[in-house]
Each structure stands twice: as C-alpha cells, then as structure tokens.
Amino acid sequence: MTTETRTVVVTGIGAFTPLGGDAASSWEGLLAGRSGVRRLEEDWAQDLPVRIAARAAVEPGEVLPRPLLRKLDRSAQFALIAAREAWADAGFEQAATAEGSPLDPERLGSVIASGIGGVTTLLDQYDVLREQGVRKVSPHTVPMLMPNSPSANVGIEVGAQAGVHTPVSACASGAEAIGYAIEMIRSGRADVVVAGGTEAAIHPLPIVAFSNMMAMSKRNEEPEHASRPYDKARDGFVLGEGAGVVVLESAEHAAKRGARVYCEAVGQGLSSDAHHIAQPEPTGSGVARALAQLFANNDLDKAEVVHVNAHATSTPQGDVAEIKALRKELGEHLNHVAISATKSMTGHLLGGAGGIETVATVLALYHRQAPPTINVDDLDDEVDADVVRFEPRALPEGRIAALNNSFGFGGHNVVLAFRTV
C-alpha cells in the first residue's frame, strides 16, 4: 500500500464540553437532548445585550493542578484535558518521548486549532496592565495567548515531533485541523496524530462584538431554547466553549498494536466562498464544491452517507444555505440521511466546534445513533431534509458513513467524512 492510499482510523476520543467533562457524559447529554446553554451570572454580563452562553460543564480547575492552570489560557486548558482523555482512550500510557515508549516521537503529530486563540488572556492581561501596572502582567502572557498554544502544549504532553500545527479558519478551524491530521498520516509524515479544536471566548468583548453583528441569539429569558437550528424563529447562535480531540492513526499502525478502532477517517473536502467576510454564500455553492471535492478525491460512495452532523449554527441564512448545498451534491440520497444539529445543545464553540462535532460524529457511527436536534418547534419551509428531532435516531446496519460540516467567517468550508469498519 502506498502512502497516498494509507487508511486512517480513529482510535481515541476526548471531549470537554457544555454537556460534560468527558466524551461519555457529553455523548449522554447529546442523546438526552439536554441543553448546555445557561444565563451568565457574572456581574459584567448583566448589562450586555446577550446574557447567555454555553459554559463548560466542569471547570478546568477541578481537573488540572493550580500551577498548570496559571500557565495556560482557558482554551489550552480545555485542549489538554480533552487530549489526555483521547490519548488514554487510544491505549497510550505515556509520552512518545518517555523511556520505553513503543511510539516513535518523530512519527507523532499534534494539530489542535482555535479560531480566536488566547483572547481571554490577552484582554485580561491588558486590564491588569492598565489597572495594576507593568510589574503585575504575567510573564506567561505571550505563550498563553498564542493561537498555537493549545497544539504546542498537547504536542509537548504527548511528545509529538513529526509536527505541531494550528490551522486558523474561524469556525472551520477544528475541522480543518482534523483534515490536516488525516493528510499527515495519508502522506506518510506521521503514523499517529492528536487532532481537534478548542475555544474559550466567553468574555464581554467577543460577546458584544458578535451581538453587534446581529449574529447571536438574544433569547436571554429562555437560554435553553435559544439555540434552535432550522426553526423558523431562530435568531442567531449561542456562544459555547470547550474542546474535542481525536487520536488518528494509520490502520496498519493501529492493527499492529491491537488498538480498538472507532471508525475510519475517510478524508476531507475543502473550498472557499470568495463571497463575503461574514455572510455565507446564500445558494450554498461553496459548500457544494467542498462536498464534490470530498467525493472526487476519496473512496466514498454517496449512497453510504446516512448521517450528517451539520454546521447549523441557528442563523437564518447559514442553516438554509447548508441544506441547499447538501441537496445539490447528494441529490435524492439526501432523503435517506439523518441530519443532526448538535449546536442546538452545545452552542457554537467557534474553532472548537469541528472538534466536538467530530467526536459526536464518530460516536454516532460507533453506536449507530444520531443525536436529536432540539428546539425545532416549527421547521423552516426551506429545510428540504430529514432533521432528527425530539429523540435519537437509529442508524442502519452494514457499512455506513457520516459527514461533519464546518464553515467559518471568511468563507471557509470544510467537510469531513467517517465510515464504519
């Protein structure tokens, strides 16, 4: 088998989300249709136009020691916790650089993305400078605020020497990181890659900025009902935080060590809209091109696709454009696809969305269950597709595949494909 056709599989998963502090509890919350959106109780939030968000269900301080917390931005804290879970779930007990490790560190990579990076560190330390003076600014500020900090810290943790990367493409960042990791293995650069996305941007400035763009829901009195993809009454996304990480591995490497395999990571499709810095192309043509590239460049039959974890942020234009793209590329096959919009429960994790939604997609295939989309009380007439509502949906037996869609400001489109083994 040539390196260009190496099969890539998922052998580990980890998640730290508004629904739970690990992958199992997050998955349980998704199947239960539980919303992670809550009212913000902090004093700084009370006069904002948007006073709701999907906070992480567990505080990182309950998991990580205080000295480490002081050196990591919240986004890196989330990534490290999720990566540790995924690493252990894949069956690895130590870093590749540790004495006696069976892994070659030069064949191990880390690709963890963030759409915004250490924004809370940047803003908080500026407040410290302004209010307390030069000497009070943390010496850890620069390594904390760097967008590559989560990937670098995970890379140090596991001993990754094949490359540490951080693709930044707004809300498509996490998915693009996983797609990049797949290509690292397929091209022969690495045998194992820890990949995913993280975000921690629940702070007054990002909230006000998104709100002034008219991008966020203002259902402050109904937080659990605010994120409502595909519903006629949707009025914008809800900001979430957390991380999702997977361990990707060449099938040959996984088989040699007897690893448990969740599914195959088939590949990715990429495109850009070249339309508007913040608005989606309304016909979905850019997304359709990404889908077309996925099927053209990978061994995947459209008839195999039975599930889509949609980007579906709960914005009026974006939700419909995505459905139009799926219909354009999948045609009648879309009639047999169960679509889930898990942001209805987690909120929108921006650059972390592709990470936790990949974990959800992998688990949907592994357990053959599609999570429900909550808050769809009145389905939009333009949503010409089968949206899973009210309760989980059983997926078919046999060889099946699922897609995970992620799109971002700037017109970034990323489609990932996974398949049962």
Protein backbone atom coordinates (compact mmCIF):
# COMPACT_ATOMS: atom_id res chain seq x y z
CA MET A 1 0.00 0.00 0.00
CA THR A 2 1.44 3.41 -0.96
CA THR A 3 1.47 6.31 1.49
CA GLU A 4 -1.04 8.16 -0.71
CA THR A 5 -3.65 5.48 -0.06
CA ARG A 6 -2.98 4.77 3.61
CA THR A 7 -6.18 4.14 5.53
CA VAL A 8 -6.67 6.37 8.57
CA VAL A 9 -8.71 5.32 11.61
CA VAL A 10 -9.91 6.91 14.85
CA THR A 11 -8.58 5.11 17.91
CA GLY A 12 -9.20 7.64 20.70
CA ILE A 13 -11.67 10.38 21.59
CA GLY A 14 -11.80 13.09 24.23
CA ALA A 15 -14.20 15.94 24.93
CA PHE A 16 -14.70 18.77 27.41
CA THR A 17 -17.99 20.46 26.61
CA PRO A 18 -21.02 22.34 27.95
CA LEU A 19 -22.67 18.94 28.40
CA GLY A 20 -19.93 17.10 30.30
CA GLY A 21 -16.33 16.93 31.37
CA ASP A 22 -15.52 13.95 29.14
CA ALA A 23 -16.67 12.27 25.96
CA ALA A 24 -19.03 9.80 27.66
CA SER A 25 -21.00 12.39 29.61
CA SER A 26 -21.09 14.74 26.61
CA TRP A 27 -22.45 11.95 24.41
CA GLU A 28 -25.02 11.05 27.05
CA GLY A 29 -26.15 14.69 27.11
CA LEU A 30 -26.46 14.80 23.32
CA LEU A 31 -28.60 11.66 23.21
CA ALA A 32 -30.78 13.01 26.03
CA GLY A 33 -31.37 16.26 24.14
CA ARG A 34 -30.06 18.33 27.04
CA SER A 35 -29.17 21.97 26.52
CA GLY A 36 -25.90 23.29 27.92
CA VAL A 37 -26.91 26.93 27.49
CA ARG A 38 -27.31 28.94 30.68
CA ARG A 39 -27.75 32.51 31.83
CA LEU A 40 -24.45 34.27 32.58
CA GLU A 41 -24.42 35.20 36.26
CA GLU A 42 -21.24 37.30 36.27
CA ASP A 43 -21.65 41.00 37.09
CA TRP A 44 -20.02 42.00 33.81
CA ALA A 45 -22.73 40.26 31.82
CA GLN A 46 -25.79 41.90 33.33
CA ASP A 47 -25.82 44.97 31.08
CA LEU A 48 -24.87 43.19 27.86
CA PRO A 49 -27.35 42.71 25.01
CA VAL A 50 -26.61 38.96 25.17
CA ARG A 51 -26.53 37.42 28.65
CA ILE A 52 -26.49 33.71 27.83
CA ALA A 53 -23.78 31.24 26.83
CA ALA A 54 -22.88 27.54 26.96
CA ARG A 55 -20.19 27.34 29.63
CA ALA A 56 -18.11 24.19 30.05
CA ALA A 57 -19.99 21.80 32.34
CA VAL A 58 -16.89 21.30 34.51
CA GLU A 59 -14.34 23.93 35.48
CA PRO A 60 -10.76 23.08 34.40
CA GLY A 61 -9.63 23.78 37.96
CA GLU A 62 -11.42 20.61 39.02
CA VAL A 63 -9.17 18.60 36.72
CA LEU A 64 -5.83 20.39 36.37
CA PRO A 65 -3.46 21.46 39.17
CA ARG A 66 -3.30 25.16 40.01
CA PRO A 67 0.34 25.71 38.91
CA LEU A 68 -0.54 24.42 35.43
CA LEU A 69 -3.73 26.48 35.25
CA ARG A 70 -1.71 29.66 35.79
CA LYS A 71 0.44 28.91 32.73
CA LEU A 72 -2.35 28.02 30.29
CA ASP A 73 -5.09 30.06 28.68
CA ARG A 74 -8.54 28.56 29.19
CA SER A 75 -8.56 27.34 25.57
CA ALA A 76 -5.33 25.39 26.15
CA GLN A 77 -6.69 24.02 29.42
CA PHE A 78 -9.70 22.59 27.57
CA ALA A 79 -7.50 21.14 24.82
CA LEU A 80 -5.09 19.49 27.23
CA ILE A 81 -7.89 17.84 29.22
CA ALA A 82 -9.59 16.51 26.07
CA ALA A 83 -6.27 15.38 24.58
CA ARG A 84 -5.33 13.49 27.73
CA GLU A 85 -8.64 11.65 27.61
CA ALA A 86 -8.24 10.83 23.91
CA TRP A 87 -4.62 9.70 24.42
CA ALA A 88 -5.60 7.33 27.22
CA ASP A 89 -8.68 6.16 25.31
CA ALA A 90 -6.41 5.19 22.41
CA GLY A 91 -4.47 2.94 24.79
CA PHE A 92 -1.35 5.07 25.23
CA GLU A 93 0.04 5.29 28.76
CA GLN A 94 2.98 7.67 28.37
CA ALA A 95 4.50 10.26 26.08
CA ALA A 96 6.26 9.03 22.95
CA THR A 97 9.47 10.57 24.25
CA ALA A 98 9.35 8.61 27.52
CA GLU A 99 11.85 5.81 28.03
CA GLY A 100 10.42 2.50 26.88
CA SER A 101 7.59 4.03 24.83
CA PRO A 102 6.54 1.88 21.87
CA LEU A 103 5.82 5.03 19.85
CA ASP A 104 8.31 6.81 17.63
CA PRO A 105 8.04 10.53 18.55
CA GLU A 106 9.21 11.50 15.06
CA ARG A 107 6.11 9.74 13.70
CA LEU A 108 3.68 11.50 16.04
CA GLY A 109 1.98 14.85 15.37
CA SER A 110 -0.32 17.34 17.08
CA VAL A 111 -2.85 19.51 15.22
CA ILE A 112 -5.12 21.44 17.57
CA ALA A 113 -6.91 24.53 16.27
CA SER A 114 -8.58 27.57 17.76
CA GLY A 115 -10.47 30.23 15.86
CA ILE A 116 -9.52 33.06 18.22
CA GLY A 117 -6.74 31.73 20.44
CA GLY A 118 -5.97 33.11 23.89
CA VAL A 119 -8.36 36.05 23.68
CA THR A 120 -9.31 35.99 27.36
CA THR A 121 -5.64 36.07 28.38
CA LEU A 122 -4.97 38.99 26.03
CA LEU A 123 -7.91 41.04 27.28
CA ASP A 124 -7.48 40.18 30.95
CA GLN A 125 -3.77 40.96 30.96
CA TYR A 126 -4.41 44.27 29.25
CA ASP A 127 -6.78 45.11 32.10
CA VAL A 128 -4.05 44.12 34.58
CA LEU A 129 -1.55 46.40 32.81
CA ARG A 130 -3.95 49.32 32.76
CA GLU A 131 -5.23 48.93 36.33
CA GLN A 132 -2.27 47.46 38.25
CA GLY A 133 0.81 48.42 36.28
CA VAL A 134 3.69 46.85 34.37
CA ARG A 135 5.00 44.57 37.12
CA LYS A 136 1.71 42.73 37.54
CA VAL A 137 1.48 41.45 33.94
CA SER A 138 2.07 37.70 33.88
CA PRO A 139 5.37 36.55 32.32
CA HIS A 140 3.36 33.67 30.85
CA THR A 141 1.16 36.05 28.81
CA VAL A 142 2.74 35.53 25.39
CA PRO A 143 2.86 31.70 25.44
CA MET A 144 -0.69 31.75 26.84
CA LEU A 145 -2.25 33.98 24.18
CA MET A 146 -0.56 32.40 21.14
CA PRO A 147 -3.14 30.64 18.90
CA ASN A 148 -0.75 27.68 18.64
CA SER A 149 -0.53 27.33 22.43
CA PRO A 150 -3.11 24.51 22.71
CA SER A 151 -1.44 22.45 19.96
CA ALA A 152 2.03 23.14 21.30
CA ASN A 153 1.10 22.17 24.86
CA VAL A 154 -0.59 18.98 23.66
CA GLY A 155 2.45 18.24 21.49
CA ILE A 156 4.76 18.64 24.50
CA GLU A 157 2.46 16.48 26.60
CA VAL A 158 2.49 13.52 24.20
CA GLY A 159 6.00 14.03 22.78
CA ALA A 160 4.97 14.88 19.22
CA GLN A 161 7.97 15.54 16.96
CA ALA A 162 6.51 14.97 13.48
CA GLY A 163 4.97 18.44 13.58
CA VAL A 164 2.77 20.68 15.71
CA HIS A 165 0.27 22.70 13.68
CA THR A 166 -2.55 25.19 14.20
CA PRO A 167 -4.74 25.96 11.16
CA VAL A 168 -6.87 29.06 11.79
CA SER A 169 -10.01 29.38 9.67
CA ALA A 170 -12.56 30.88 12.07
CA CYS A 171 -15.36 28.44 12.90
CA ALA A 172 -13.97 25.84 10.49
CA SER A 173 -10.63 25.65 12.36
CA GLY A 174 -11.26 22.47 14.36
CA ALA A 175 -12.45 20.53 11.34
CA GLU A 176 -9.58 21.81 9.23
CA ALA A 177 -7.16 20.62 11.93
CA ILE A 178 -8.59 17.11 11.76
CA GLY A 179 -8.48 17.16 7.97
CA TYR A 180 -4.85 18.27 8.09
CA ALA A 181 -4.08 15.45 10.51
CA ILE A 182 -5.67 12.91 8.18
CA GLU A 183 -3.42 14.15 5.37
CA MET A 184 -0.34 13.96 7.60
CA ILE A 185 -0.96 10.24 8.00
CA ARG A 186 -2.06 9.56 4.43
CA SER A 187 1.02 11.31 3.03
CA GLY A 188 3.35 9.32 5.28
CA ARG A 189 4.52 12.18 7.52
CA ALA A 190 3.13 10.55 10.66
CA ASP A 191 1.63 7.32 11.97
CA VAL A 192 -0.35 8.89 14.81
CA VAL A 193 -1.76 12.43 15.18
CA VAL A 194 -3.66 14.02 18.06
CA ALA A 195 -6.11 16.44 16.45
CA GLY A 196 -9.08 18.63 17.26
CA GLY A 197 -10.32 22.07 18.17
CA THR A 198 -10.76 24.24 21.25
CA GLU A 199 -12.20 27.63 22.12
CA ALA A 200 -12.70 29.81 25.21
CA ALA A 201 -14.12 33.19 24.21
CA ILE A 202 -16.93 33.81 26.70
CA HIS A 203 -15.87 37.35 27.56
CA PRO A 204 -17.63 40.74 27.30
CA LEU A 205 -15.81 41.95 24.18
CA PRO A 206 -16.38 38.91 21.91
CA ILE A 207 -19.99 38.68 23.09
CA VAL A 208 -20.70 42.37 22.39
CA ALA A 209 -18.85 42.22 19.07
CA PHE A 210 -20.81 39.20 17.82
CA SER A 211 -24.02 40.71 19.16
CA ASN A 212 -23.46 43.99 17.31
CA MET A 213 -23.02 41.97 14.12
CA MET A 214 -26.54 40.63 14.76
CA ALA A 215 -25.09 37.10 14.78
CA MET A 216 -26.18 35.98 18.26
CA SER A 217 -29.49 34.99 19.79
CA LYS A 218 -30.93 37.44 22.32
CA ARG A 219 -33.33 34.99 23.97
CA ASN A 220 -31.93 35.94 27.36
CA GLU A 221 -35.02 34.79 29.26
CA GLU A 222 -35.08 31.36 27.58
CA PRO A 223 -31.44 30.23 27.45
CA GLU A 224 -32.19 26.54 26.93
CA HIS A 225 -34.39 27.38 23.93
CA ALA A 226 -32.10 29.99 22.37
CA SER A 227 -30.09 27.76 20.03
CA ARG A 228 -32.65 26.47 17.54
CA PRO A 229 -31.19 25.41 14.18
CA TYR A 230 -33.70 25.09 11.33
CA ASP A 231 -36.56 26.53 13.38
CA LYS A 232 -38.48 29.42 11.81
CA ALA A 233 -37.93 31.51 14.95
CA ARG A 234 -34.12 31.13 15.08
CA ASP A 235 -32.34 34.43 15.66
CA GLY A 236 -28.63 33.60 15.84
CA PHE A 237 -26.09 31.38 17.53
CA VAL A 238 -25.24 30.94 21.21
CA LEU A 239 -21.56 31.13 22.16
CA GLY A 240 -20.14 27.94 23.69
CA GLU A 241 -16.75 26.83 24.99
CA GLY A 242 -14.81 23.60 25.28
CA ALA A 243 -12.72 21.20 23.21
CA GLY A 244 -12.97 17.99 21.21
CA VAL A 245 -9.95 15.85 20.33
CA VAL A 246 -9.43 12.60 18.45
CA VAL A 247 -6.43 10.33 18.04
CA LEU A 248 -5.96 9.44 14.38
CA GLU A 249 -3.75 6.57 13.32
CA SER A 250 -2.82 4.65 10.22
CA ALA A 251 -4.82 1.44 10.08
CA GLU A 252 -1.61 -0.58 9.78
CA HIS A 253 -0.13 1.01 12.91
CA ALA A 254 -3.35 0.51 14.86
CA ALA A 255 -3.60 -3.14 13.80
CA LYS A 256 -0.01 -3.88 14.82
CA ARG A 257 -0.66 -2.78 18.39
CA GLY A 258 -4.16 -4.29 18.57
CA ALA A 259 -5.91 -0.96 19.09
CA ARG A 260 -9.68 -0.59 19.34
CA VAL A 261 -10.93 1.27 16.25
CA TYR A 262 -13.99 3.53 16.35
CA CYS A 263 -14.24 4.13 12.63
CA GLU A 264 -12.32 5.08 9.50
CA ALA A 265 -11.48 8.74 8.87
CA VAL A 266 -12.10 8.75 5.12
CA GLY A 267 -10.94 12.25 4.22
CA GLN A 268 -11.90 15.87 3.72
CA GLY A 269 -13.31 18.29 1.18
CA LEU A 270 -12.23 21.95 1.18
CA SER A 271 -13.39 25.10 -0.56
CA SER A 272 -13.86 28.82 -0.04
CA ASP A 273 -16.80 31.03 -0.95
CA ALA A 274 -14.99 34.23 -2.05
CA HIS A 275 -18.29 35.93 -1.30
CA HIS A 276 -18.33 37.92 1.98
CA ILE A 277 -16.17 38.17 5.10
CA ALA A 278 -19.03 37.16 7.42
CA GLN A 279 -22.07 36.10 5.38
CA PRO A 280 -22.42 32.63 3.77
CA GLU A 281 -22.90 32.34 0.04
CA PRO A 282 -26.73 32.05 0.01
CA THR A 283 -27.04 29.27 -2.58
CA GLY A 284 -24.54 27.04 -0.79
CA SER A 285 -22.37 26.75 -3.89
CA GLY A 286 -19.10 26.90 -1.93
CA VAL A 287 -20.19 24.19 0.45
CA ALA A 288 -21.34 22.09 -2.50
CA ARG A 289 -17.86 22.40 -4.03
CA ALA A 290 -16.31 21.13 -0.79
CA LEU A 291 -18.70 18.17 -0.85
CA ALA A 292 -17.90 17.49 -4.51
CA GLN A 293 -14.17 17.55 -3.75
CA LEU A 294 -14.68 15.12 -0.88
CA PHE A 295 -16.37 12.55 -3.11
CA ALA A 296 -14.00 13.12 -6.05
CA ASN A 297 -10.81 12.67 -4.01
CA ASN A 298 -11.81 9.88 -1.64
CA ASP A 299 -13.11 6.33 -1.85
CA LEU A 300 -16.61 7.21 -0.67
CA ASP A 301 -19.96 6.46 -2.28
CA LYS A 302 -22.77 8.97 -1.76
CA ALA A 303 -25.14 6.10 -1.03
CA GLU A 304 -23.02 5.18 2.03
CA VAL A 305 -23.76 8.50 3.72
CA VAL A 306 -26.63 8.10 6.19
CA HIS A 307 -25.84 10.81 8.73
CA VAL A 308 -24.65 14.42 8.77
CA ASN A 309 -23.60 16.39 11.82
CA ALA A 310 -24.43 19.76 10.32
CA HIS A 311 -22.73 23.09 10.93
CA ALA A 312 -26.20 24.57 11.53
CA THR A 313 -25.40 27.43 13.88
CA SER A 314 -29.01 28.69 14.16
CA THR A 315 -28.55 31.69 11.86
CA PRO A 316 -31.30 32.44 9.32
CA GLN A 317 -29.07 32.39 6.22
CA GLY A 318 -26.46 29.80 7.11
CA ASP A 319 -28.78 26.94 8.06
CA VAL A 320 -30.66 27.09 4.76
CA ALA A 321 -27.53 27.52 2.60
CA GLU A 322 -26.06 24.34 4.08
CA ILE A 323 -29.18 22.32 3.29
CA LYS A 324 -29.20 23.65 -0.26
CA ALA A 325 -25.59 22.52 -0.67
CA LEU A 326 -26.33 19.04 0.66
CA ARG A 327 -29.31 18.72 -1.68
CA LYS A 328 -27.28 19.96 -4.66
CA GLU A 329 -24.47 17.44 -4.13
CA LEU A 330 -26.28 14.44 -2.64
CA GLY A 331 -29.49 14.76 -4.67
CA GLU A 332 -32.04 12.07 -3.83
CA HIS A 333 -29.54 10.39 -1.48
CA LEU A 334 -30.24 13.22 0.97
CA ASN A 335 -33.73 11.76 1.51
CA HIS A 336 -32.10 8.88 3.40
CA VAL A 337 -29.73 10.99 5.52
CA ALA A 338 -30.44 11.72 9.19
CA ILE A 339 -29.28 15.27 9.96
CA SER A 340 -28.34 16.32 13.48
CA ALA A 341 -27.51 19.86 14.61
CA THR A 342 -25.76 19.35 17.92
CA LYS A 343 -25.12 23.09 18.36
CA SER A 344 -28.74 23.20 19.50
CA MET A 345 -27.39 21.69 22.74
CA THR A 346 -23.72 22.75 22.96
CA GLY A 347 -23.99 26.20 21.47
CA HIS A 348 -21.38 27.26 18.93
CA LEU A 349 -17.79 26.62 20.01
CA LEU A 350 -16.34 28.57 17.07
CA GLY A 351 -12.92 26.98 16.35
CA GLY A 352 -13.73 24.19 18.80
CA ALA A 353 -16.94 23.21 17.02
CA GLY A 354 -15.32 20.90 14.48
CA GLY A 355 -13.55 19.08 17.31
CA ILE A 356 -16.53 18.24 19.49
CA GLU A 357 -18.75 17.62 16.47
CA THR A 358 -16.22 15.17 15.07
CA VAL A 359 -16.35 13.32 18.40
CA ALA A 360 -20.15 13.30 18.12
CA THR A 361 -19.99 12.06 14.52
CA VAL A 362 -17.56 9.27 15.42
CA LEU A 363 -19.77 8.16 18.31
CA ALA A 364 -22.89 8.32 16.14
CA LEU A 365 -21.30 5.81 13.76
CA TYR A 366 -19.82 3.67 16.54
CA HIS A 367 -23.14 3.41 18.42
CA ARG A 368 -25.28 3.75 15.26
CA GLN A 369 -27.37 6.53 16.77
CA ALA A 370 -27.93 10.05 15.50
CA PRO A 371 -28.49 12.63 18.27
CA PRO A 372 -31.64 14.74 18.16
CA THR A 373 -31.79 18.42 17.24
CA ILE A 374 -33.65 20.26 20.00
CA ASN A 375 -35.81 23.41 19.84
CA VAL A 376 -37.09 22.76 16.31
CA ASP A 377 -40.71 23.60 17.08
CA ASP A 378 -41.57 24.91 13.63
CA LEU A 379 -39.31 23.59 10.88
CA ASP A 380 -38.30 26.17 8.27
CA ASP A 381 -40.08 25.54 4.97
CA GLU A 382 -36.77 25.84 3.10
CA VAL A 383 -35.19 22.97 5.04
CA ASP A 384 -35.66 20.22 2.46
CA ALA A 385 -34.10 17.41 4.52
CA ASP A 386 -34.72 14.89 7.28
CA VAL A 387 -33.77 16.64 10.53
CA VAL A 388 -33.59 14.32 13.55
CA ARG A 389 -35.91 15.85 16.16
CA PHE A 390 -37.25 15.02 19.63
CA GLU A 391 -35.30 11.77 20.18
CA PRO A 392 -32.23 9.90 18.86
CA ARG A 393 -32.49 8.05 15.56
CA ALA A 394 -31.12 4.54 14.97
CA LEU A 395 -28.72 4.38 12.02
CA PRO A 396 -28.73 1.45 9.56
CA GLU A 397 -26.67 -1.70 9.90
CA GLY A 398 -23.92 -2.54 7.44
CA ARG A 399 -21.22 -0.26 6.07
CA ILE A 400 -22.30 3.35 6.56
CA ALA A 401 -20.68 6.77 6.53
CA ALA A 402 -21.29 10.15 8.13
CA LEU A 403 -20.23 13.72 7.36
CA ASN A 404 -19.25 16.54 9.68
CA ASN A 405 -19.66 20.03 8.19
CA SER A 406 -17.83 23.12 9.44
CA PHE A 407 -17.84 26.60 7.92
CA GLY A 408 -16.28 29.88 9.03
CA PHE A 409 -16.21 33.64 8.58
CA GLY A 410 -14.11 34.39 5.53
CA GLY A 411 -15.91 31.72 3.53
CA HIS A 412 -14.00 28.66 4.77
CA ASN A 413 -15.76 25.34 4.07
CA VAL A 414 -14.59 22.01 5.46
CA VAL A 415 -16.38 18.67 5.15
CA LEU A 416 -15.02 15.60 6.95
CA ALA A 417 -16.12 12.03 6.21
CA PHE A 418 -16.05 9.00 8.53
CA ARG A 419 -17.09 5.39 7.88
CA THR A 420 -17.72 2.25 9.91
CA VAL A 421 -15.12 -0.52 9.84
